[in-house]
């Protein structure tokens, strides 16, 4: 997620939390919907919980990544189409 956001102009600063990166990406309109927030929540659970995550969380993270990648690709297509029309 960080790589895709950085490619679109919202790079993570060294001291940024995932929430701060997500807030900037939302503010600039790069991220819409809930996929990035779900992925960030799963990251926090994986990083800070004492229990191991199971296949449901892994599947949920994979789905969120797929949704986010599709949304970013769609935004690029729209941007490219709009930019070429002028």
PDB file of N, CA and C in Angstrom:
ATOM      1  N   UNK A   1       0.829  -1.177   0.000  1.00  0.00           N
ATOM      2  CA  UNK A   1       0.000   0.000   0.000  1.00  0.00           C
ATOM      3  C   UNK A   1       0.875   1.243   0.000  1.00  0.00           C
ATOM      4  N   UNK A   2       1.909   1.261   0.831  1.00  0.00           N
ATOM      5  CA  UNK A   2       2.773   2.436   0.899  1.00  0.00           C
ATOM      6  C   UNK A   2       3.428   2.727  -0.443  1.00  0.00           C
ATOM      7  N   UNK A   3       3.858   1.706  -1.137  1.00  0.00           N
ATOM      8  CA  UNK A   3       4.510   1.898  -2.435  1.00  0.00           C
ATOM      9  C   UNK A   3       3.556   2.533  -3.433  1.00  0.00           C
ATOM     10  N   UNK A   4       2.344   2.015  -3.504  1.00  0.00           N
ATOM     11  CA  UNK A   4       1.353   2.559  -4.442  1.00  0.00           C
ATOM     12  C   UNK A   4       0.992   3.995  -4.105  1.00  0.00           C
ATOM     13  N   UNK A   5       0.859   4.299  -2.832  1.00  0.00           N
ATOM     14  CA  UNK A   5       0.537   5.663  -2.434  1.00  0.00           C
ATOM     15  C   UNK A   5       1.697   6.603  -2.756  1.00  0.00           C
ATOM     16  N   UNK A   6       2.911   6.149  -2.518  1.00  0.00           N
ATOM     17  CA  UNK A   6       4.082   6.975  -2.831  1.00  0.00           C
ATOM     18  C   UNK A   6       4.173   7.247  -4.327  1.00  0.00           C
ATOM     19  N   UNK A   7       3.862   6.251  -5.142  1.00  0.00           N
ATOM     20  CA  UNK A   7       3.880   6.438  -6.598  1.00  0.00           C
ATOM     21  C   UNK A   7       2.867   7.480  -7.044  1.00  0.00           C
ATOM     22  N   UNK A   8       1.858   7.719  -6.241  1.00  0.00           N
ATOM     23  CA  UNK A   8       0.806   8.675  -6.586  1.00  0.00           C
ATOM     24  C   UNK A   8       0.936   9.989  -5.832  1.00  0.00           C
ATOM     25  N   UNK A   9       2.080  10.192  -5.165  1.00  0.00           N
ATOM     26  CA  UNK A   9       2.359  11.479  -4.555  1.00  0.00           C
ATOM     27  C   UNK A   9       2.152  11.588  -3.063  1.00  0.00           C
ATOM     28  N   UNK A  10       1.818  10.499  -2.396  1.00  0.00           N
ATOM     29  CA  UNK A  10       1.656  10.537  -0.945  1.00  0.00           C
ATOM     30  C   UNK A  10       2.607   9.522  -0.321  1.00  0.00           C
ATOM     31  N   UNK A  11       3.847   9.944  -0.146  1.00  0.00           N
ATOM     32  CA  UNK A  11       4.866   9.068   0.432  1.00  0.00           C
ATOM     33  C   UNK A  11       4.796   9.123   1.957  1.00  0.00           C
ATOM     34  N   UNK A  12       5.155   8.024   2.572  1.00  0.00           N
ATOM     35  CA  UNK A  12       5.184   7.951   4.035  1.00  0.00           C
ATOM     36  C   UNK A  12       6.453   8.622   4.540  1.00  0.00           C
ATOM     37  N   UNK A  13       6.282   9.577   5.439  1.00  0.00           N
ATOM     38  CA  UNK A  13       7.432  10.191   6.100  1.00  0.00           C
ATOM     39  C   UNK A  13       7.961   9.208   7.140  1.00  0.00           C
ATOM     40  N   UNK A  14       9.206   9.354   7.492  1.00  0.00           N
ATOM     41  CA  UNK A  14       9.843   8.379   8.377  1.00  0.00           C
ATOM     42  C   UNK A  14       9.120   8.222   9.712  1.00  0.00           C
ATOM     43  N   UNK A  15       8.535   9.286  10.228  1.00  0.00           N
ATOM     44  CA  UNK A  15       7.866   9.214  11.529  1.00  0.00           C
ATOM     45  C   UNK A  15       6.360   9.003  11.424  1.00  0.00           C
ATOM     46  N   UNK A  16       5.839   8.858  10.214  1.00  0.00           N
ATOM     47  CA  UNK A  16       4.395   8.685  10.030  1.00  0.00           C
ATOM     48  C   UNK A  16       3.914   7.340  10.540  1.00  0.00           C
ATOM     49  N   UNK A  17       2.764   7.365  11.176  1.00  0.00           N
ATOM     50  CA  UNK A  17       2.070   6.121  11.494  1.00  0.00           C
ATOM     51  C   UNK A  17       1.237   5.749  10.272  1.00  0.00           C
ATOM     52  N   UNK A  18       0.770   4.519  10.182  1.00  0.00           N
ATOM     53  CA  UNK A  18      -0.120   4.166   9.074  1.00  0.00           C
ATOM     54  C   UNK A  18      -1.368   5.052   9.021  1.00  0.00           C
ATOM     55  N   UNK A  19      -1.888   5.429  10.178  1.00  0.00           N
ATOM     56  CA  UNK A  19      -3.064   6.305  10.217  1.00  0.00           C
ATOM     57  C   UNK A  19      -2.766   7.680   9.628  1.00  0.00           C
ATOM     58  N   UNK A  20      -1.583   8.214   9.906  1.00  0.00           N
ATOM     59  CA  UNK A  20      -1.211   9.531   9.371  1.00  0.00           C
ATOM     60  C   UNK A  20      -1.053   9.477   7.851  1.00  0.00           C
ATOM     61  N   UNK A  21      -0.433   8.418   7.361  1.00  0.00           N
ATOM     62  CA  UNK A  21      -0.296   8.245   5.917  1.00  0.00           C
ATOM     63  C   UNK A  21      -1.669   8.136   5.267  1.00  0.00           C
ATOM     64  N   UNK A  22      -2.538   7.353   5.857  1.00  0.00           N
ATOM     65  CA  UNK A  22      -3.881   7.165   5.319  1.00  0.00           C
ATOM     66  C   UNK A  22      -4.662   8.482   5.334  1.00  0.00           C
ATOM     67  N   UNK A  23      -4.528   9.250   6.394  1.00  0.00           N
ATOM     68  CA  UNK A  23      -5.231  10.538   6.473  1.00  0.00           C
ATOM     69  C   UNK A  23      -4.764  11.480   5.366  1.00  0.00           C
ATOM     70  N   UNK A  24      -3.468  11.522   5.098  1.00  0.00           N
ATOM     71  CA  UNK A  24      -2.962  12.377   4.012  1.00  0.00           C
ATOM     72  C   UNK A  24      -3.437  11.881   2.659  1.00  0.00           C
ATOM     73  N   UNK A  25      -3.451  10.579   2.469  1.00  0.00           N
ATOM     74  CA  UNK A  25      -3.915  10.023   1.193  1.00  0.00           C
ATOM     75  C   UNK A  25      -5.394  10.321   0.979  1.00  0.00           C
ATOM     76  N   UNK A  26      -6.168  10.267   2.038  1.00  0.00           N
ATOM     77  CA  UNK A  26      -7.593  10.629   1.933  1.00  0.00           C
ATOM     78  C   UNK A  26      -7.762  12.111   1.640  1.00  0.00           C
ATOM     79  N   UNK A  27      -6.984  12.943   2.324  1.00  0.00           N
ATOM     80  CA  UNK A  27      -7.095  14.391   2.160  1.00  0.00           C
ATOM     81  C   UNK A  27      -6.775  14.814   0.725  1.00  0.00           C
ATOM     82  N   UNK A  28      -5.867  14.114   0.087  1.00  0.00           N
ATOM     83  CA  UNK A  28      -5.507  14.452  -1.292  1.00  0.00           C
ATOM     84  C   UNK A  28      -6.407  13.768  -2.311  1.00  0.00           C
ATOM     85  N   UNK A  29      -7.294  12.893  -1.840  1.00  0.00           N
ATOM     86  CA  UNK A  29      -8.221  12.222  -2.749  1.00  0.00           C
ATOM     87  C   UNK A  29      -7.659  10.977  -3.401  1.00  0.00           C
ATOM     88  N   UNK A  30      -6.464  10.564  -3.014  1.00  0.00           N
ATOM     89  CA  UNK A  30      -5.867   9.359  -3.589  1.00  0.00           C
ATOM     90  C   UNK A  30      -6.610   8.119  -3.135  1.00  0.00           C
ATOM     91  N   UNK A  31      -7.028   8.110  -1.873  1.00  0.00           N
ATOM     92  CA  UNK A  31      -7.712   6.952  -1.300  1.00  0.00           C
ATOM     93  C   UNK A  31      -9.161   7.309  -1.006  1.00  0.00           C
ATOM     94  N   UNK A  32     -10.042   6.442  -1.466  1.00  0.00           N
ATOM     95  CA  UNK A  32     -11.472   6.552  -1.152  1.00  0.00           C
ATOM     96  C   UNK A  32     -11.931   5.168  -0.717  1.00  0.00           C
ATOM     97  N   UNK A  33     -13.063   5.118  -0.064  1.00  0.00           N
ATOM     98  CA  UNK A  33     -13.591   3.825   0.357  1.00  0.00           C
ATOM     99  C   UNK A  33     -12.965   3.352   1.651  1.00  0.00           C
ATOM    100  N   UNK A  34     -13.185   2.078   1.954  1.00  0.00           N
ATOM    101  CA  UNK A  34     -12.778   1.549   3.260  1.00  0.00           C
ATOM    102  C   UNK A  34     -11.606   0.572   3.211  1.00  0.00           C
ATOM    103  N   UNK A  35     -11.126   0.205   2.031  1.00  0.00           N
ATOM    104  CA  UNK A  35     -10.094  -0.827   1.927  1.00  0.00           C
ATOM    105  C   UNK A  35      -8.820  -0.459   2.685  1.00  0.00           C
ATOM    106  N   UNK A  36      -8.335   0.755   2.522  1.00  0.00           N
ATOM    107  CA  UNK A  36      -7.097   1.149   3.194  1.00  0.00           C
ATOM    108  C   UNK A  36      -7.266   1.172   4.711  1.00  0.00           C
ATOM    109  N   UNK A  37      -8.408   1.631   5.178  1.00  0.00           N
ATOM    110  CA  UNK A  37      -8.654   1.650   6.622  1.00  0.00           C
ATOM    111  C   UNK A  37      -8.718   0.233   7.187  1.00  0.00           C
ATOM    112  N   UNK A  38      -9.358  -0.679   6.450  1.00  0.00           N
ATOM    113  CA  UNK A  38      -9.420  -2.074   6.916  1.00  0.00           C
ATOM    114  C   UNK A  38      -8.027  -2.678   6.947  1.00  0.00           C
ATOM    115  N   UNK A  39      -7.220  -2.399   5.931  1.00  0.00           N
ATOM    116  CA  UNK A  39      -5.862  -2.919   5.880  1.00  0.00           C
ATOM    117  C   UNK A  39      -5.027  -2.362   7.036  1.00  0.00           C
ATOM    118  N   UNK A  40      -5.177  -1.079   7.304  1.00  0.00           N
ATOM    119  CA  UNK A  40      -4.446  -0.456   8.404  1.00  0.00           C
ATOM    120  C   UNK A  40      -4.856  -1.061   9.745  1.00  0.00           C
ATOM    121  N   UNK A  41      -6.143  -1.293   9.932  1.00  0.00           N
ATOM    122  CA  UNK A  41      -6.614  -1.906  11.178  1.00  0.00           C
ATOM    123  C   UNK A  41      -6.038  -3.317  11.340  1.00  0.00           C
ATOM    124  N   UNK A  42      -5.987  -4.070  10.266  1.00  0.00           N
ATOM    125  CA  UNK A  42      -5.402  -5.407  10.329  1.00  0.00           C
ATOM    126  C   UNK A  42      -3.904  -5.343  10.630  1.00  0.00           C
ATOM    127  N   UNK A  43      -3.226  -4.338  10.068  1.00  0.00           N
ATOM    128  CA  UNK A  43      -1.811  -4.153  10.372  1.00  0.00           C
ATOM    129  C   UNK A  43      -1.620  -3.930  11.873  1.00  0.00           C
ATOM    130  N   UNK A  44      -2.418  -3.019  12.436  1.00  0.00           N
ATOM    131  CA  UNK A  44      -2.302  -2.749  13.866  1.00  0.00           C
ATOM    132  C   UNK A  44      -2.572  -4.006  14.693  1.00  0.00           C
ATOM    133  N   UNK A  45      -3.555  -4.782  14.289  1.00  0.00           N
ATOM    134  CA  UNK A  45      -3.840  -6.018  15.024  1.00  0.00           C
ATOM    135  C   UNK A  45      -2.660  -6.977  14.936  1.00  0.00           C
ATOM    136  N   UNK A  46      -2.111  -7.138  13.747  1.00  0.00           N
ATOM    137  CA  UNK A  46      -0.976  -8.048  13.571  1.00  0.00           C
ATOM    138  C   UNK A  46       0.252  -7.560  14.339  1.00  0.00           C
ATOM    139  N   UNK A  47       0.457  -6.269  14.333  1.00  0.00           N
ATOM    140  CA  UNK A  47       1.661  -5.696  14.935  1.00  0.00           C
ATOM    141  C   UNK A  47       1.607  -5.659  16.452  1.00  0.00           C
ATOM    142  N   UNK A  48       0.451  -5.353  17.007  1.00  0.00           N
ATOM    143  CA  UNK A  48       0.393  -5.067  18.437  1.00  0.00           C
ATOM    144  C   UNK A  48      -0.401  -6.052  19.277  1.00  0.00           C
ATOM    145  N   UNK A  49      -1.058  -7.028  18.669  1.00  0.00           N
ATOM    146  CA  UNK A  49      -1.808  -7.990  19.475  1.00  0.00           C
ATOM    147  C   UNK A  49      -0.884  -9.109  19.941  1.00  0.00           C
ATOM    148  N   UNK A  50      -1.309  -9.796  20.972  1.00  0.00           N
ATOM    149  CA  UNK A  50      -0.509 -10.909  21.481  1.00  0.00           C
ATOM    150  C   UNK A  50      -0.954 -12.241  20.899  1.00  0.00           C
ATOM    151  N   UNK A  51      -2.048 -12.254  20.163  1.00  0.00           N
ATOM    152  CA  UNK A  51      -2.530 -13.504  19.577  1.00  0.00           C
ATOM    153  C   UNK A  51      -2.121 -13.589  18.096  1.00  0.00           C
ATOM    154  N   UNK A  52      -1.899 -14.792  17.623  1.00  0.00           N
ATOM    155  CA  UNK A  52      -1.579 -14.936  16.199  1.00  0.00           C
ATOM    156  C   UNK A  52      -2.838 -14.708  15.350  1.00  0.00           C
ATOM    157  N   UNK A  53      -2.634 -14.168  14.180  1.00  0.00           N
ATOM    158  CA  UNK A  53      -3.753 -13.971  13.269  1.00  0.00           C
ATOM    159  C   UNK A  53      -3.988 -15.261  12.492  1.00  0.00           C
ATOM    160  N   UNK A  54      -5.228 -15.494  12.140  1.00  0.00           N
ATOM    161  CA  UNK A  54      -5.542 -16.716  11.405  1.00  0.00           C
ATOM    162  C   UNK A  54      -5.834 -16.409   9.941  1.00  0.00           C
ATOM    163  N   UNK A  55      -6.291 -17.411   9.233  1.00  0.00           N
ATOM    164  CA  UNK A  55      -6.521 -17.267   7.791  1.00  0.00           C
ATOM    165  C   UNK A  55      -7.591 -16.237   7.471  1.00  0.00           C
ATOM    166  N   UNK A  56      -8.526 -16.007   8.393  1.00  0.00           N
ATOM    167  CA  UNK A  56      -9.575 -15.002   8.130  1.00  0.00           C
ATOM    168  C   UNK A  56      -8.986 -13.604   8.028  1.00  0.00           C
ATOM    169  N   UNK A  57      -8.082 -13.272   8.938  1.00  0.00           N
ATOM    170  CA  UNK A  57      -7.447 -11.960   8.878  1.00  0.00           C
ATOM    171  C   UNK A  57      -6.541 -11.845   7.647  1.00  0.00           C
ATOM    172  N   UNK A  58      -5.826 -12.913   7.342  1.00  0.00           N
ATOM    173  CA  UNK A  58      -4.974 -12.898   6.146  1.00  0.00           C
ATOM    174  C   UNK A  58      -5.817 -12.710   4.895  1.00  0.00           C
ATOM    175  N   UNK A  59      -6.929 -13.435   4.815  1.00  0.00           N
ATOM    176  CA  UNK A  59      -7.825 -13.293   3.667  1.00  0.00           C
ATOM    177  C   UNK A  59      -8.420 -11.891   3.593  1.00  0.00           C
ATOM    178  N   UNK A  60      -8.767 -11.330   4.747  1.00  0.00           N
ATOM    179  CA  UNK A  60      -9.321  -9.973   4.779  1.00  0.00           C
ATOM    180  C   UNK A  60      -8.278  -8.951   4.321  1.00  0.00           C
ATOM    181  N   UNK A  61      -7.032  -9.142   4.729  1.00  0.00           N
ATOM    182  CA  UNK A  61      -5.959  -8.245   4.301  1.00  0.00           C
ATOM    183  C   UNK A  61      -5.728  -8.362   2.798  1.00  0.00           C
ATOM    184  N   UNK A  62      -5.743  -9.577   2.293  1.00  0.00           N
ATOM    185  CA  UNK A  62      -5.564  -9.788   0.858  1.00  0.00           C
ATOM    186  C   UNK A  62      -6.699  -9.131   0.064  1.00  0.00           C
ATOM    187  N   UNK A  63      -7.921  -9.266   0.548  1.00  0.00           N
ATOM    188  CA  UNK A  63      -9.061  -8.652  -0.130  1.00  0.00           C
ATOM    189  C   UNK A  63      -8.936  -7.129  -0.109  1.00  0.00           C
ATOM    190  N   UNK A  64      -8.547  -6.572   1.040  1.00  0.00           N
ATOM    191  CA  UNK A  64      -8.387  -5.122   1.143  1.00  0.00           C
ATOM    192  C   UNK A  64      -7.292  -4.631   0.199  1.00  0.00           C
ATOM    193  N   UNK A  65      -6.182  -5.364   0.115  1.00  0.00           N
ATOM    194  CA  UNK A  65      -5.113  -4.988  -0.814  1.00  0.00           C
ATOM    195  C   UNK A  65      -5.596  -5.030  -2.258  1.00  0.00           C
ATOM    196  N   UNK A  66      -6.335  -6.075  -2.604  1.00  0.00           N
ATOM    197  CA  UNK A  66      -6.875  -6.177  -3.966  1.00  0.00           C
ATOM    198  C   UNK A  66      -7.817  -5.021  -4.282  1.00  0.00           C
ATOM    199  N   UNK A  67      -8.692  -4.682  -3.337  1.00  0.00           N
ATOM    200  CA  UNK A  67      -9.628  -3.568  -3.537  1.00  0.00           C
ATOM    201  C   UNK A  67      -8.880  -2.251  -3.677  1.00  0.00           C
ATOM    202  N   UNK A  68      -7.883  -2.049  -2.839  1.00  0.00           N
ATOM    203  CA  UNK A  68      -7.112  -0.818  -2.888  1.00  0.00           C
ATOM    204  C   UNK A  68      -6.346  -0.711  -4.203  1.00  0.00           C
ATOM    205  N   UNK A  69      -5.725  -1.797  -4.628  1.00  0.00           N
ATOM    206  CA  UNK A  69      -4.991  -1.790  -5.900  1.00  0.00           C
ATOM    207  C   UNK A  69      -5.929  -1.499  -7.066  1.00  0.00           C
ATOM    208  N   UNK A  70      -7.106  -2.095  -7.053  1.00  0.00           N
ATOM    209  CA  UNK A  70      -8.077  -1.853  -8.125  1.00  0.00           C
ATOM    210  C   UNK A  70      -8.544  -0.405  -8.126  1.00  0.00           C
ATOM    211  N   UNK A  71      -8.789   0.160  -6.946  1.00  0.00           N
ATOM    212  CA  UNK A  71      -9.235   1.552  -6.852  1.00  0.00           C
ATOM    213  C   UNK A  71      -8.146   2.502  -7.325  1.00  0.00           C
ATOM    214  N   UNK A  72      -6.891   2.224  -6.956  1.00  0.00           N
ATOM    215  CA  UNK A  72      -5.797   3.079  -7.401  1.00  0.00           C
ATOM    216  C   UNK A  72      -5.594   2.978  -8.908  1.00  0.00           C
ATOM    217  N   UNK A  73      -5.725   1.772  -9.457  1.00  0.00           N
ATOM    218  CA  UNK A  73      -5.599   1.588 -10.906  1.00  0.00           C
ATOM    219  C   UNK A  73      -6.727   2.313 -11.635  1.00  0.00           C
ATOM    220  N   UNK A  74      -7.931   2.235 -11.093  1.00  0.00           N
ATOM    221  CA  UNK A  74      -9.070   2.920 -11.706  1.00  0.00           C
ATOM    222  C   UNK A  74      -8.863   4.434 -11.681  1.00  0.00           C
ATOM    223  N   UNK A  75      -8.361   4.939 -10.568  1.00  0.00           N
ATOM    224  CA  UNK A  75      -8.104   6.377 -10.465  1.00  0.00           C
ATOM    225  C   UNK A  75      -7.052   6.809 -11.480  1.00  0.00           C
ATOM    226  N   UNK A  76      -6.037   5.986 -11.700  1.00  0.00           N
ATOM    227  CA  UNK A  76      -5.019   6.296 -12.698  1.00  0.00           C
ATOM    228  C   UNK A  76      -5.607   6.310 -14.104  1.00  0.00           C
ATOM    229  N   UNK A  77      -6.493   5.358 -14.390  1.00  0.00           N
ATOM    230  CA  UNK A  77      -7.136   5.290 -15.707  1.00  0.00           C
ATOM    231  C   UNK A  77      -7.982   6.522 -15.938  1.00  0.00           C
ATOM    232  N   UNK A  78      -8.746   6.916 -14.938  1.00  0.00           N
ATOM    233  CA  UNK A  78      -9.597   8.103 -15.057  1.00  0.00           C
ATOM    234  C   UNK A  78      -8.719   9.331 -15.243  1.00  0.00           C
ATOM    235  N   UNK A  79      -7.652   9.435 -14.456  1.00  0.00           N
ATOM    236  CA  UNK A  79      -6.751  10.580 -14.551  1.00  0.00           C
ATOM    237  C   UNK A  79      -6.106  10.644 -15.927  1.00  0.00           C
ATOM    238  N   UNK A  80      -5.665   9.511 -16.447  1.00  0.00           N
ATOM    239  CA  UNK A  80      -5.034   9.478 -17.765  1.00  0.00           C
ATOM    240  C   UNK A  80      -6.036   9.856 -18.856  1.00  0.00           C
ATOM    241  N   UNK A  81      -7.257   9.386 -18.722  1.00  0.00           N
ATOM    242  CA  UNK A  81      -8.296   9.715 -19.704  1.00  0.00           C
ATOM    243  C   UNK A  81      -8.672  11.178 -19.666  1.00  0.00           C
ATOM    244  N   UNK A  82      -8.751  11.739 -18.487  1.00  0.00           N
ATOM    245  CA  UNK A  82      -9.091  13.147 -18.330  1.00  0.00           C
ATOM    246  C   UNK A  82      -7.959  14.034 -18.832  1.00  0.00           C
ATOM    247  N   UNK A  83      -6.720  13.633 -18.506  1.00  0.00           N
ATOM    248  CA  UNK A  83      -5.582  14.442 -18.922  1.00  0.00           C
ATOM    249  C   UNK A  83      -5.399  14.486 -20.417  1.00  0.00           C
ATOM    250  N   UNK A  84      -5.746  13.409 -21.119  1.00  0.00           N
ATOM    251  CA  UNK A  84      -5.580  13.366 -22.555  1.00  0.00           C
ATOM    252  C   UNK A  84      -6.703  14.048 -23.317  1.00  0.00           C
ATOM    253  N   UNK A  85      -7.804  14.363 -22.628  1.00  0.00           N
ATOM    254  CA  UNK A  85      -8.954  14.924 -23.308  1.00  0.00           C
ATOM    255  C   UNK A  85      -8.797  16.425 -23.581  1.00  0.00           C
ATOM    256  N   UNK A  86      -7.864  17.091 -22.892  1.00  0.00           N
ATOM    257  CA  UNK A  86      -7.770  18.536 -22.980  1.00  0.00           C
ATOM    258  C   UNK A  86      -6.847  18.984 -24.005  1.00  0.00           C
TER     259      UNK A  86
END
